């Protein structure tokens, strides 16, 4: 398979509300609205994020966003009023979790220093 792109997807119940929340999370507006039920951010690192309007599946999605500085991102999000868990550190880096308004889990992860994969 030749892959041109990859998107993490969160199903949501209210697209305008979700788009506002993810715009705050990602610190930038969405890139595209290809259809009324789809909003997307391209080139988030080496992938993208999509929101899909689907009330039946909302709250069941899990996205992982990898950052080089989890402490900075946690502080930024907390300052913006986002409820974020404390940082948990382990042998393969660190994570902190948040949930969007629909209950989708977003894991903010920091890999170990020097990890490039």
PDB file of N, CA and C in Angstrom:
ATOM      1  N   UNK A   1       0.837  -1.169   0.000  1.00  0.00           N
ATOM      2  CA  UNK A   1       0.000   0.000   0.000  1.00  0.00           C
ATOM      3  C   UNK A   1       0.890   1.242   0.000  1.00  0.00           C
ATOM      4  N   UNK A   2       0.616   2.136  -0.906  1.00  0.00           N
ATOM      5  CA  UNK A   2       1.311   3.420  -0.933  1.00  0.00           C
ATOM      6  C   UNK A   2       0.420   4.428  -0.214  1.00  0.00           C
ATOM      7  N   UNK A   3       0.890   4.964   0.913  1.00  0.00           N
ATOM      8  CA  UNK A   3       0.081   5.859   1.731  1.00  0.00           C
ATOM      9  C   UNK A   3       0.484   7.304   1.472  1.00  0.00           C
ATOM     10  N   UNK A   4      -0.492   8.114   1.155  1.00  0.00           N
ATOM     11  CA  UNK A   4      -0.267   9.535   0.925  1.00  0.00           C
ATOM     12  C   UNK A   4      -0.545  10.356   2.181  1.00  0.00           C
ATOM     13  N   UNK A   5      -1.443   9.894   3.027  1.00  0.00           N
ATOM     14  CA  UNK A   5      -1.779  10.646   4.231  1.00  0.00           C
ATOM     15  C   UNK A   5      -2.464   9.750   5.241  1.00  0.00           C
ATOM     16  N   UNK A   6      -2.606  10.256   6.449  1.00  0.00           N
ATOM     17  CA  UNK A   6      -3.245   9.517   7.520  1.00  0.00           C
ATOM     18  C   UNK A   6      -3.934  10.520   8.438  1.00  0.00           C
ATOM     19  N   UNK A   7      -5.179  10.218   8.836  1.00  0.00           N
ATOM     20  CA  UNK A   7      -5.952  11.091   9.703  1.00  0.00           C
ATOM     21  C   UNK A   7      -6.435  10.337  10.926  1.00  0.00           C
ATOM     22  N   UNK A   8      -6.352  10.983  12.080  1.00  0.00           N
ATOM     23  CA  UNK A   8      -7.037  10.515  13.281  1.00  0.00           C
ATOM     24  C   UNK A   8      -8.425  11.128  13.220  1.00  0.00           C
ATOM     25  N   UNK A   9      -9.454  10.365  13.614  1.00  0.00           N
ATOM     26  CA  UNK A   9     -10.834  10.813  13.452  1.00  0.00           C
ATOM     27  C   UNK A   9     -11.558  10.801  14.794  1.00  0.00           C
ATOM     28  N   UNK A  10     -12.284  11.872  15.080  1.00  0.00           N
ATOM     29  CA  UNK A  10     -13.163  11.940  16.241  1.00  0.00           C
ATOM     30  C   UNK A  10     -14.582  12.167  15.741  1.00  0.00           C
ATOM     31  N   UNK A  11     -15.506  11.339  16.199  1.00  0.00           N
ATOM     32  CA  UNK A  11     -16.921  11.523  15.879  1.00  0.00           C
ATOM     33  C   UNK A  11     -17.531  12.460  16.907  1.00  0.00           C
ATOM     34  N   UNK A  12     -18.316  13.421  16.449  1.00  0.00           N
ATOM     35  CA  UNK A  12     -18.869  14.463  17.312  1.00  0.00           C
ATOM     36  C   UNK A  12     -20.363  14.638  17.071  1.00  0.00           C
ATOM     37  N   UNK A  13     -21.037  15.299  18.025  1.00  0.00           N
ATOM     38  CA  UNK A  13     -22.478  15.529  17.899  1.00  0.00           C
ATOM     39  C   UNK A  13     -22.827  16.928  17.414  1.00  0.00           C
ATOM     40  N   UNK A  14     -21.914  17.886  17.577  1.00  0.00           N
ATOM     41  CA  UNK A  14     -22.181  19.283  17.229  1.00  0.00           C
ATOM     42  C   UNK A  14     -20.923  19.840  16.561  1.00  0.00           C
ATOM     43  N   UNK A  15     -20.944  19.937  15.248  1.00  0.00           N
ATOM     44  CA  UNK A  15     -19.752  20.318  14.500  1.00  0.00           C
ATOM     45  C   UNK A  15     -19.228  21.711  14.859  1.00  0.00           C
ATOM     46  N   UNK A  16     -20.051  22.763  14.901  1.00  0.00           N
ATOM     47  CA  UNK A  16     -19.497  24.075  15.249  1.00  0.00           C
ATOM     48  C   UNK A  16     -18.856  24.095  16.641  1.00  0.00           C
ATOM     49  N   UNK A  17     -19.498  23.488  17.612  1.00  0.00           N
ATOM     50  CA  UNK A  17     -18.946  23.442  18.975  1.00  0.00           C
ATOM     51  C   UNK A  17     -17.644  22.658  18.999  1.00  0.00           C
ATOM     52  N   UNK A  18     -17.623  21.508  18.312  1.00  0.00           N
ATOM     53  CA  UNK A  18     -16.414  20.680  18.269  1.00  0.00           C
ATOM     54  C   UNK A  18     -15.285  21.397  17.531  1.00  0.00           C
ATOM     55  N   UNK A  19     -15.621  22.057  16.445  1.00  0.00           N
ATOM     56  CA  UNK A  19     -14.579  22.777  15.702  1.00  0.00           C
ATOM     57  C   UNK A  19     -13.959  23.870  16.560  1.00  0.00           C
ATOM     58  N   UNK A  20     -14.767  24.594  17.312  1.00  0.00           N
ATOM     59  CA  UNK A  20     -14.228  25.620  18.213  1.00  0.00           C
ATOM     60  C   UNK A  20     -13.287  24.993  19.238  1.00  0.00           C
ATOM     61  N   UNK A  21     -13.692  23.870  19.830  1.00  0.00           N
ATOM     62  CA  UNK A  21     -12.893  23.222  20.862  1.00  0.00           C
ATOM     63  C   UNK A  21     -11.569  22.714  20.294  1.00  0.00           C
ATOM     64  N   UNK A  22     -11.608  22.060  19.134  1.00  0.00           N
ATOM     65  CA  UNK A  22     -10.373  21.541  18.527  1.00  0.00           C
ATOM     66  C   UNK A  22      -9.488  22.662  17.997  1.00  0.00           C
ATOM     67  N   UNK A  23     -10.068  23.782  17.597  1.00  0.00           N
ATOM     68  CA  UNK A  23      -9.273  24.940  17.199  1.00  0.00           C
ATOM     69  C   UNK A  23      -8.461  25.448  18.390  1.00  0.00           C
ATOM     70  N   UNK A  24      -9.071  25.464  19.573  1.00  0.00           N
ATOM     71  CA  UNK A  24      -8.343  25.829  20.791  1.00  0.00           C
ATOM     72  C   UNK A  24      -7.270  24.800  21.090  1.00  0.00           C
ATOM     73  N   UNK A  25      -7.618  23.528  21.032  1.00  0.00           N
ATOM     74  CA  UNK A  25      -6.663  22.460  21.322  1.00  0.00           C
ATOM     75  C   UNK A  25      -5.447  22.540  20.408  1.00  0.00           C
ATOM     76  N   UNK A  26      -5.687  22.691  19.111  1.00  0.00           N
ATOM     77  CA  UNK A  26      -4.610  22.658  18.126  1.00  0.00           C
ATOM     78  C   UNK A  26      -3.962  24.017  17.882  1.00  0.00           C
ATOM     79  N   UNK A  27      -4.518  25.058  18.458  1.00  0.00           N
ATOM     80  CA  UNK A  27      -3.996  26.423  18.322  1.00  0.00           C
ATOM     81  C   UNK A  27      -3.956  26.894  16.871  1.00  0.00           C
ATOM     82  N   UNK A  28      -4.932  26.443  16.103  1.00  0.00           N
ATOM     83  CA  UNK A  28      -5.061  26.920  14.719  1.00  0.00           C
ATOM     84  C   UNK A  28      -6.426  26.506  14.168  1.00  0.00           C
ATOM     85  N   UNK A  29      -6.952  27.282  13.232  1.00  0.00           N
ATOM     86  CA  UNK A  29      -8.255  26.939  12.662  1.00  0.00           C
ATOM     87  C   UNK A  29      -8.160  25.730  11.733  1.00  0.00           C
ATOM     88  N   UNK A  30      -9.306  25.142  11.473  1.00  0.00           N
ATOM     89  CA  UNK A  30      -9.370  24.016  10.542  1.00  0.00           C
ATOM     90  C   UNK A  30      -8.908  24.452   9.158  1.00  0.00           C
ATOM     91  N   UNK A  31      -8.371  23.498   8.414  1.00  0.00           N
ATOM     92  CA  UNK A  31      -7.912  23.777   7.052  1.00  0.00           C
ATOM     93  C   UNK A  31      -9.021  23.636   6.025  1.00  0.00           C
ATOM     94  N   UNK A  32      -9.918  22.663   6.244  1.00  0.00           N
ATOM     95  CA  UNK A  32     -10.927  22.352   5.226  1.00  0.00           C
ATOM     96  C   UNK A  32     -12.252  21.972   5.869  1.00  0.00           C
ATOM     97  N   UNK A  33     -13.309  22.207   5.085  1.00  0.00           N
ATOM     98  CA  UNK A  33     -14.657  21.736   5.391  1.00  0.00           C
ATOM     99  C   UNK A  33     -15.165  21.066   4.118  1.00  0.00           C
ATOM    100  N   UNK A  34     -14.653  19.855   3.814  1.00  0.00           N
ATOM    101  CA  UNK A  34     -14.978  19.209   2.540  1.00  0.00           C
ATOM    102  C   UNK A  34     -16.468  18.941   2.335  1.00  0.00           C
ATOM    103  N   UNK A  35     -17.200  18.781   3.439  1.00  0.00           N
ATOM    104  CA  UNK A  35     -18.645  18.571   3.373  1.00  0.00           C
ATOM    105  C   UNK A  35     -19.231  18.987   4.713  1.00  0.00           C
ATOM    106  N   UNK A  36     -20.534  19.173   4.815  1.00  0.00           N
ATOM    107  CA  UNK A  36     -21.112  19.647   6.078  1.00  0.00           C
ATOM    108  C   UNK A  36     -20.840  18.731   7.284  1.00  0.00           C
ATOM    109  N   UNK A  37     -20.582  17.478   7.049  1.00  0.00           N
ATOM    110  CA  UNK A  37     -20.360  16.529   8.145  1.00  0.00           C
ATOM    111  C   UNK A  37     -18.880  16.234   8.397  1.00  0.00           C
ATOM    112  N   UNK A  38     -17.978  17.020   7.798  1.00  0.00           N
ATOM    113  CA  UNK A  38     -16.543  16.749   7.922  1.00  0.00           C
ATOM    114  C   UNK A  38     -15.756  18.050   8.012  1.00  0.00           C
ATOM    115  N   UNK A  39     -14.916  18.130   9.034  1.00  0.00           N
ATOM    116  CA  UNK A  39     -13.975  19.244   9.204  1.00  0.00           C
ATOM    117  C   UNK A  39     -12.605  18.630   9.394  1.00  0.00           C
ATOM    118  N   UNK A  40     -11.570  19.238   8.800  1.00  0.00           N
ATOM    119  CA  UNK A  40     -10.246  18.626   8.949  1.00  0.00           C
ATOM    120  C   UNK A  40      -9.120  19.639   9.063  1.00  0.00           C
ATOM    121  N   UNK A  41      -8.095  19.176   9.783  1.00  0.00           N
ATOM    122  CA  UNK A  41      -6.823  19.878   9.934  1.00  0.00           C
ATOM    123  C   UNK A  41      -5.782  19.015   9.237  1.00  0.00           C
ATOM    124  N   UNK A  42      -5.104  19.577   8.265  1.00  0.00           N
ATOM    125  CA  UNK A  42      -4.060  18.851   7.540  1.00  0.00           C
ATOM    126  C   UNK A  42      -2.696  19.176   8.120  1.00  0.00           C
ATOM    127  N   UNK A  43      -1.751  18.304   7.844  1.00  0.00           N
ATOM    128  CA  UNK A  43      -0.347  18.541   8.199  1.00  0.00           C
ATOM    129  C   UNK A  43      -0.149  18.856   9.677  1.00  0.00           C
ATOM    130  N   UNK A  44      -0.739  18.020  10.510  1.00  0.00           N
ATOM    131  CA  UNK A  44      -0.500  18.076  11.950  1.00  0.00           C
ATOM    132  C   UNK A  44       0.653  17.098  12.174  1.00  0.00           C
ATOM    133  N   UNK A  45       1.861  17.613  12.242  1.00  0.00           N
ATOM    134  CA  UNK A  45       3.014  16.716  12.237  1.00  0.00           C
ATOM    135  C   UNK A  45       3.056  16.023  10.887  1.00  0.00           C
ATOM    136  N   UNK A  46       2.957  14.723  10.880  1.00  0.00           N
ATOM    137  CA  UNK A  46       2.955  13.970   9.615  1.00  0.00           C
ATOM    138  C   UNK A  46       1.592  13.360   9.327  1.00  0.00           C
ATOM    139  N   UNK A  47       0.554  13.838   9.995  1.00  0.00           N
ATOM    140  CA  UNK A  47      -0.790  13.275   9.804  1.00  0.00           C
ATOM    141  C   UNK A  47      -1.803  14.412   9.784  1.00  0.00           C
ATOM    142  N   UNK A  48      -3.046  14.090  10.073  1.00  0.00           N
ATOM    143  CA  UNK A  48      -4.106  15.080  10.130  1.00  0.00           C
ATOM    144  C   UNK A  48      -5.155  14.645  11.136  1.00  0.00           C
ATOM    145  N   UNK A  49      -6.088  15.543  11.411  1.00  0.00           N
ATOM    146  CA  UNK A  49      -7.194  15.250  12.316  1.00  0.00           C
ATOM    147  C   UNK A  49      -8.483  15.610  11.608  1.00  0.00           C
ATOM    148  N   UNK A  50      -9.465  14.724  11.717  1.00  0.00           N
ATOM    149  CA  UNK A  50     -10.779  14.973  11.134  1.00  0.00           C
ATOM    150  C   UNK A  50     -11.842  14.858  12.212  1.00  0.00           C
ATOM    151  N   UNK A  51     -12.855  15.720  12.114  1.00  0.00           N
ATOM    152  CA  UNK A  51     -14.062  15.601  12.911  1.00  0.00           C
ATOM    153  C   UNK A  51     -15.165  15.168  11.979  1.00  0.00           C
ATOM    154  N   UNK A  52     -15.898  14.145  12.377  1.00  0.00           N
ATOM    155  CA  UNK A  52     -17.013  13.648  11.582  1.00  0.00           C
ATOM    156  C   UNK A  52     -18.277  13.749  12.417  1.00  0.00           C
ATOM    157  N   UNK A  53     -19.309  14.353  11.863  1.00  0.00           N
ATOM    158  CA  UNK A  53     -20.586  14.486  12.544  1.00  0.00           C
ATOM    159  C   UNK A  53     -21.281  13.127  12.523  1.00  0.00           C
ATOM    160  N   UNK A  54     -21.324  12.467  13.682  1.00  0.00           N
ATOM    161  CA  UNK A  54     -21.929  11.136  13.794  1.00  0.00           C
ATOM    162  C   UNK A  54     -22.321  10.920  15.253  1.00  0.00           C
ATOM    163  N   UNK A  55     -23.551  11.292  15.600  1.00  0.00           N
ATOM    164  CA  UNK A  55     -24.004  11.231  16.987  1.00  0.00           C
ATOM    165  C   UNK A  55     -23.969   9.812  17.547  1.00  0.00           C
ATOM    166  N   UNK A  56     -24.184   8.809  16.715  1.00  0.00           N
ATOM    167  CA  UNK A  56     -24.196   7.429  17.199  1.00  0.00           C
ATOM    168  C   UNK A  56     -22.819   6.955  17.650  1.00  0.00           C
ATOM    169  N   UNK A  57     -21.768   7.480  17.058  1.00  0.00           N
ATOM    170  CA  UNK A  57     -20.406   7.041  17.392  1.00  0.00           C
ATOM    171  C   UNK A  57     -19.639   8.069  18.228  1.00  0.00           C
ATOM    172  N   UNK A  58     -20.231   9.237  18.465  1.00  0.00           N
ATOM    173  CA  UNK A  58     -19.554  10.285  19.242  1.00  0.00           C
ATOM    174  C   UNK A  58     -19.203   9.773  20.632  1.00  0.00           C
ATOM    175  N   UNK A  59     -18.046  10.176  21.102  1.00  0.00           N
ATOM    176  CA  UNK A  59     -17.590   9.787  22.429  1.00  0.00           C
ATOM    177  C   UNK A  59     -16.847   8.472  22.471  1.00  0.00           C
ATOM    178  N   UNK A  60     -16.686   7.808  21.333  1.00  0.00           N
ATOM    179  CA  UNK A  60     -16.012   6.520  21.292  1.00  0.00           C
ATOM    180  C   UNK A  60     -14.635   6.589  20.633  1.00  0.00           C
ATOM    181  N   UNK A  61     -14.218   7.786  20.234  1.00  0.00           N
ATOM    182  CA  UNK A  61     -12.953   7.945  19.525  1.00  0.00           C
ATOM    183  C   UNK A  61     -11.801   8.160  20.495  1.00  0.00           C
ATOM    184  N   UNK A  62     -10.609   7.754  20.056  1.00  0.00           N
ATOM    185  CA  UNK A  62      -9.372   7.997  20.804  1.00  0.00           C
ATOM    186  C   UNK A  62      -8.347   8.542  19.816  1.00  0.00           C
ATOM    187  N   UNK A  63      -7.771   9.698  20.125  1.00  0.00           N
ATOM    188  CA  UNK A  63      -6.723  10.291  19.303  1.00  0.00           C
ATOM    189  C   UNK A  63      -5.485  10.442  20.165  1.00  0.00           C
ATOM    190  N   UNK A  64      -4.324  10.242  19.579  1.00  0.00           N
ATOM    191  CA  UNK A  64      -3.063  10.510  20.266  1.00  0.00           C
ATOM    192  C   UNK A  64      -2.334  11.597  19.497  1.00  0.00           C
ATOM    193  N   UNK A  65      -1.949  12.645  20.213  1.00  0.00           N
ATOM    194  CA  UNK A  65      -1.193  13.745  19.630  1.00  0.00           C
ATOM    195  C   UNK A  65       0.175  13.749  20.310  1.00  0.00           C
ATOM    196  N   UNK A  66       1.224  13.620  19.516  1.00  0.00           N
ATOM    197  CA  UNK A  66       2.586  13.554  20.053  1.00  0.00           C
ATOM    198  C   UNK A  66       3.206  14.944  19.992  1.00  0.00           C
ATOM    199  N   UNK A  67       3.802  15.348  21.105  1.00  0.00           N
ATOM    200  CA  UNK A  67       4.430  16.666  21.219  1.00  0.00           C
ATOM    201  C   UNK A  67       5.817  16.518  21.837  1.00  0.00           C
ATOM    202  N   UNK A  68       6.753  17.390  21.491  1.00  0.00           N
ATOM    203  CA  UNK A  68       8.080  17.285  22.092  1.00  0.00           C
ATOM    204  C   UNK A  68       8.153  17.846  23.513  1.00  0.00           C
ATOM    205  N   UNK A  69       7.113  18.595  23.960  1.00  0.00           N
ATOM    206  CA  UNK A  69       7.165  19.219  25.282  1.00  0.00           C
ATOM    207  C   UNK A  69       5.789  19.154  25.941  1.00  0.00           C
ATOM    208  N   UNK A  70       5.519  18.042  26.588  1.00  0.00           N
ATOM    209  CA  UNK A  70       4.195  17.823  27.175  1.00  0.00           C
ATOM    210  C   UNK A  70       3.900  18.796  28.308  1.00  0.00           C
ATOM    211  N   UNK A  71       4.892  19.161  29.093  1.00  0.00           N
ATOM    212  CA  UNK A  71       4.663  20.089  30.202  1.00  0.00           C
ATOM    213  C   UNK A  71       4.194  21.448  29.679  1.00  0.00           C
ATOM    214  N   UNK A  72       4.829  21.929  28.618  1.00  0.00           N
ATOM    215  CA  UNK A  72       4.427  23.209  28.036  1.00  0.00           C
ATOM    216  C   UNK A  72       2.992  23.134  27.505  1.00  0.00           C
ATOM    217  N   UNK A  73       2.675  22.061  26.773  1.00  0.00           N
ATOM    218  CA  UNK A  73       1.322  21.903  26.219  1.00  0.00           C
ATOM    219  C   UNK A  73       0.288  21.763  27.330  1.00  0.00           C
ATOM    220  N   UNK A  74       0.617  21.020  28.378  1.00  0.00           N
ATOM    221  CA  UNK A  74      -0.322  20.868  29.487  1.00  0.00           C
ATOM    222  C   UNK A  74      -0.604  22.221  30.119  1.00  0.00           C
ATOM    223  N   UNK A  75       0.428  23.014  30.362  1.00  0.00           N
ATOM    224  CA  UNK A  75       0.241  24.345  30.938  1.00  0.00           C
ATOM    225  C   UNK A  75      -0.581  25.230  30.011  1.00  0.00           C
ATOM    226  N   UNK A  76      -0.297  25.188  28.701  1.00  0.00           N
ATOM    227  CA  UNK A  76      -1.044  26.002  27.727  1.00  0.00           C
ATOM    228  C   UNK A  76      -2.519  25.650  27.760  1.00  0.00           C
ATOM    229  N   UNK A  77      -2.825  24.354  27.730  1.00  0.00           N
ATOM    230  CA  UNK A  77      -4.218  23.921  27.713  1.00  0.00           C
ATOM    231  C   UNK A  77      -4.921  24.254  29.029  1.00  0.00           C
ATOM    232  N   UNK A  78      -4.242  24.035  30.146  1.00  0.00           N
ATOM    233  CA  UNK A  78      -4.838  24.370  31.448  1.00  0.00           C
ATOM    234  C   UNK A  78      -5.134  25.867  31.534  1.00  0.00           C
ATOM    235  N   UNK A  79      -4.224  26.700  31.026  1.00  0.00           N
ATOM    236  CA  UNK A  79      -4.437  28.153  31.019  1.00  0.00           C
ATOM    237  C   UNK A  79      -5.644  28.546  30.179  1.00  0.00           C
ATOM    238  N   UNK A  80      -5.972  27.731  29.173  1.00  0.00           N
ATOM    239  CA  UNK A  80      -7.132  27.994  28.317  1.00  0.00           C
ATOM    240  C   UNK A  80      -8.416  27.403  28.887  1.00  0.00           C
ATOM    241  N   UNK A  81      -8.321  26.773  30.057  1.00  0.00           N
ATOM    242  CA  UNK A  81      -9.507  26.209  30.689  1.00  0.00           C
ATOM    243  C   UNK A  81      -9.826  24.781  30.302  1.00  0.00           C
ATOM    244  N   UNK A  82      -8.908  24.120  29.589  1.00  0.00           N
ATOM    245  CA  UNK A  82      -9.122  22.722  29.211  1.00  0.00           C
ATOM    246  C   UNK A  82      -8.778  21.845  30.407  1.00  0.00           C
ATOM    247  N   UNK A  83      -9.687  20.961  30.785  1.00  0.00           N
ATOM    248  CA  UNK A  83      -9.476  20.044  31.901  1.00  0.00           C
ATOM    249  C   UNK A  83      -8.553  18.922  31.435  1.00  0.00           C
ATOM    250  N   UNK A  84      -7.326  18.913  31.924  1.00  0.00           N
ATOM    251  CA  UNK A  84      -6.324  17.949  31.484  1.00  0.00           C
ATOM    252  C   UNK A  84      -5.763  17.220  32.701  1.00  0.00           C
ATOM    253  N   UNK A  85      -5.603  15.919  32.570  1.00  0.00           N
ATOM    254  CA  UNK A  85      -5.056  15.104  33.659  1.00  0.00           C
ATOM    255  C   UNK A  85      -3.610  15.471  33.940  1.00  0.00           C
ATOM    256  N   UNK A  86      -3.125  15.108  35.126  1.00  0.00           N
ATOM    257  CA  UNK A  86      -1.703  15.276  35.416  1.00  0.00           C
ATOM    258  C   UNK A  86      -0.859  14.441  34.455  1.00  0.00           C
ATOM    259  N   UNK A  87       0.372  14.825  34.291  1.00  0.00           N
ATOM    260  CA  UNK A  87       1.295  14.090  33.420  1.00  0.00           C
ATOM    261  C   UNK A  87       1.706  12.799  34.119  1.00  0.00           C
ATOM    262  N   UNK A  88       1.642  11.715  33.365  1.00  0.00           N
ATOM    263  CA  UNK A  88       2.082  10.408  33.852  1.00  0.00           C
ATOM    264  C   UNK A  88       3.327  10.027  33.056  1.00  0.00           C
ATOM    265  N   UNK A  89       4.424   9.751  33.763  1.00  0.00           N
ATOM    266  CA  UNK A  89       5.686   9.419  33.095  1.00  0.00           C
ATOM    267  C   UNK A  89       5.990   7.944  33.262  1.00  0.00           C
ATOM    268  N   UNK A  90       6.577   7.364  32.211  1.00  0.00           N
ATOM    269  CA  UNK A  90       6.960   5.963  32.240  1.00  0.00           C
ATOM    270  C   UNK A  90       8.222   5.745  31.430  1.00  0.00           C
ATOM    271  N   UNK A  91       8.526   4.492  31.191  1.00  0.00           N
ATOM    272  CA  UNK A  91       9.739   4.143  30.477  1.00  0.00           C
ATOM    273  C   UNK A  91       9.761   4.585  29.026  1.00  0.00           C
ATOM    274  N   UNK A  92       8.607   4.863  28.461  1.00  0.00           N
ATOM    275  CA  UNK A  92       8.570   5.268  27.064  1.00  0.00           C
ATOM    276  C   UNK A  92       7.950   6.644  26.908  1.00  0.00           C
ATOM    277  N   UNK A  93       8.313   7.561  27.809  1.00  0.00           N
ATOM    278  CA  UNK A  93       7.849   8.927  27.655  1.00  0.00           C
ATOM    279  C   UNK A  93       6.804   9.316  28.670  1.00  0.00           C
ATOM    280  N   UNK A  94       5.902  10.210  28.261  1.00  0.00           N
ATOM    281  CA  UNK A  94       4.910  10.759  29.177  1.00  0.00           C
ATOM    282  C   UNK A  94       3.595  10.980  28.441  1.00  0.00           C
ATOM    283  N   UNK A  95       2.484  10.924  29.200  1.00  0.00           N
ATOM    284  CA  UNK A  95       1.169  11.203  28.631  1.00  0.00           C
ATOM    285  C   UNK A  95       0.337  12.021  29.608  1.00  0.00           C
ATOM    286  N   UNK A  96      -0.634  12.726  29.059  1.00  0.00           N
ATOM    287  CA  UNK A  96      -1.693  13.383  29.821  1.00  0.00           C
ATOM    288  C   UNK A  96      -2.946  13.272  28.964  1.00  0.00           C
ATOM    289  N   UNK A  97      -4.078  13.013  29.590  1.00  0.00           N
ATOM    290  CA  UNK A  97      -5.307  12.813  28.825  1.00  0.00           C
ATOM    291  C   UNK A  97      -6.299  13.935  29.043  1.00  0.00           C
ATOM    292  N   UNK A  98      -7.069  14.194  27.980  1.00  0.00           N
ATOM    293  CA  UNK A  98      -8.194  15.124  28.032  1.00  0.00           C
ATOM    294  C   UNK A  98      -9.350  14.477  27.295  1.00  0.00           C
ATOM    295  N   UNK A  99     -10.520  15.052  27.438  1.00  0.00           N
ATOM    296  CA  UNK A  99     -11.696  14.609  26.688  1.00  0.00           C
ATOM    297  C   UNK A  99     -12.363  15.823  26.077  1.00  0.00           C
ATOM    298  N   UNK A 100     -12.907  15.646  24.876  1.00  0.00           N
ATOM    299  CA  UNK A 100     -13.675  16.733  24.285  1.00  0.00           C
ATOM    300  C   UNK A 100     -15.092  16.710  24.865  1.00  0.00           C
ATOM    301  N   UNK A 101     -15.971  17.593  24.383  1.00  0.00           N
ATOM    302  CA  UNK A 101     -17.323  17.704  24.930  1.00  0.00           C
ATOM    303  C   UNK A 101     -18.156  16.448  24.721  1.00  0.00           C
ATOM    304  N   UNK A 102     -17.804  15.626  23.738  1.00  0.00           N
ATOM    305  CA  UNK A 102     -18.550  14.397  23.479  1.00  0.00           C
ATOM    306  C   UNK A 102     -17.979  13.200  24.228  1.00  0.00           C
ATOM    307  N   UNK A 103     -16.857  13.393  24.904  1.00  0.00           N
ATOM    308  CA  UNK A 103     -16.241  12.285  25.634  1.00  0.00           C
ATOM    309  C   UNK A 103     -15.172  11.544  24.858  1.00  0.00           C
ATOM    310  N   UNK A 104     -14.811  12.024  23.663  1.00  0.00           N
ATOM    311  CA  UNK A 104     -13.699  11.421  22.932  1.00  0.00           C
ATOM    312  C   UNK A 104     -12.420  11.658  23.724  1.00  0.00           C
ATOM    313  N   UNK A 105     -11.583  10.631  23.820  1.00  0.00           N
ATOM    314  CA  UNK A 105     -10.319  10.750  24.562  1.00  0.00           C
ATOM    315  C   UNK A 105      -9.225  11.257  23.645  1.00  0.00           C
ATOM    316  N   UNK A 106      -8.463  12.238  24.136  1.00  0.00           N
ATOM    317  CA  UNK A 106      -7.291  12.731  23.422  1.00  0.00           C
ATOM    318  C   UNK A 106      -6.102  12.524  24.352  1.00  0.00           C
ATOM    319  N   UNK A 107      -5.146  11.768  23.886  1.00  0.00           N
ATOM    320  CA  UNK A 107      -3.940  11.497  24.661  1.00  0.00           C
ATOM    321  C   UNK A 107      -2.837  12.398  24.117  1.00  0.00           C
ATOM    322  N   UNK A 108      -2.310  13.245  24.980  1.00  0.00           N
ATOM    323  CA  UNK A 108      -1.166  14.072  24.619  1.00  0.00           C
ATOM    324  C   UNK A 108       0.056  13.282  25.074  1.00  0.00           C
ATOM    325  N   UNK A 109       0.966  12.991  24.163  1.00  0.00           N
ATOM    326  CA  UNK A 109       2.110  12.131  24.471  1.00  0.00           C
ATOM    327  C   UNK A 109       3.422  12.813  24.122  1.00  0.00           C
ATOM    328  N   UNK A 110       4.416  12.570  24.959  1.00  0.00           N
ATOM    329  CA  UNK A 110       5.785  13.025  24.692  1.00  0.00           C
ATOM    330  C   UNK A 110       6.669  11.799  24.672  1.00  0.00           C
ATOM    331  N   UNK A 111       7.329  11.532  23.536  1.00  0.00           N
ATOM    332  CA  UNK A 111       8.216  10.368  23.481  1.00  0.00           C
ATOM    333  C   UNK A 111       9.502  10.634  24.259  1.00  0.00           C
ATOM    334  N   UNK A 112      10.261   9.584  24.526  1.00  0.00           N
ATOM    335  CA  UNK A 112      11.551   9.799  25.187  1.00  0.00           C
ATOM    336  C   UNK A 112      12.461  10.682  24.333  1.00  0.00           C
ATOM    337  N   UNK A 113      13.326  11.420  24.973  1.00  0.00           N
ATOM    338  CA  UNK A 113      14.271  12.275  24.242  1.00  0.00           C
ATOM    339  C   UNK A 113      15.080  11.423  23.257  1.00  0.00           C
ATOM    340  N   UNK A 114      15.226  11.910  22.059  1.00  0.00           N
ATOM    341  CA  UNK A 114      15.989  11.199  21.052  1.00  0.00           C
ATOM    342  C   UNK A 114      15.186  10.217  20.205  1.00  0.00           C
ATOM    343  N   UNK A 115      13.930   9.944  20.589  1.00  0.00           N
ATOM    344  CA  UNK A 115      13.093   9.022  19.812  1.00  0.00           C
ATOM    345  C   UNK A 115      12.664   9.704  18.531  1.00  0.00           C
ATOM    346  N   UNK A 116      12.835   9.030  17.403  1.00  0.00           N
ATOM    347  CA  UNK A 116      12.498   9.635  16.105  1.00  0.00           C
ATOM    348  C   UNK A 116      11.454   8.856  15.334  1.00  0.00           C
ATOM    349  N   UNK A 117      10.969   7.743  15.819  1.00  0.00           N
ATOM    350  CA  UNK A 117      10.017   6.904  15.088  1.00  0.00           C
ATOM    351  C   UNK A 117       8.673   7.328  15.246  1.00  0.00           C
TER     352      UNK A 117
END
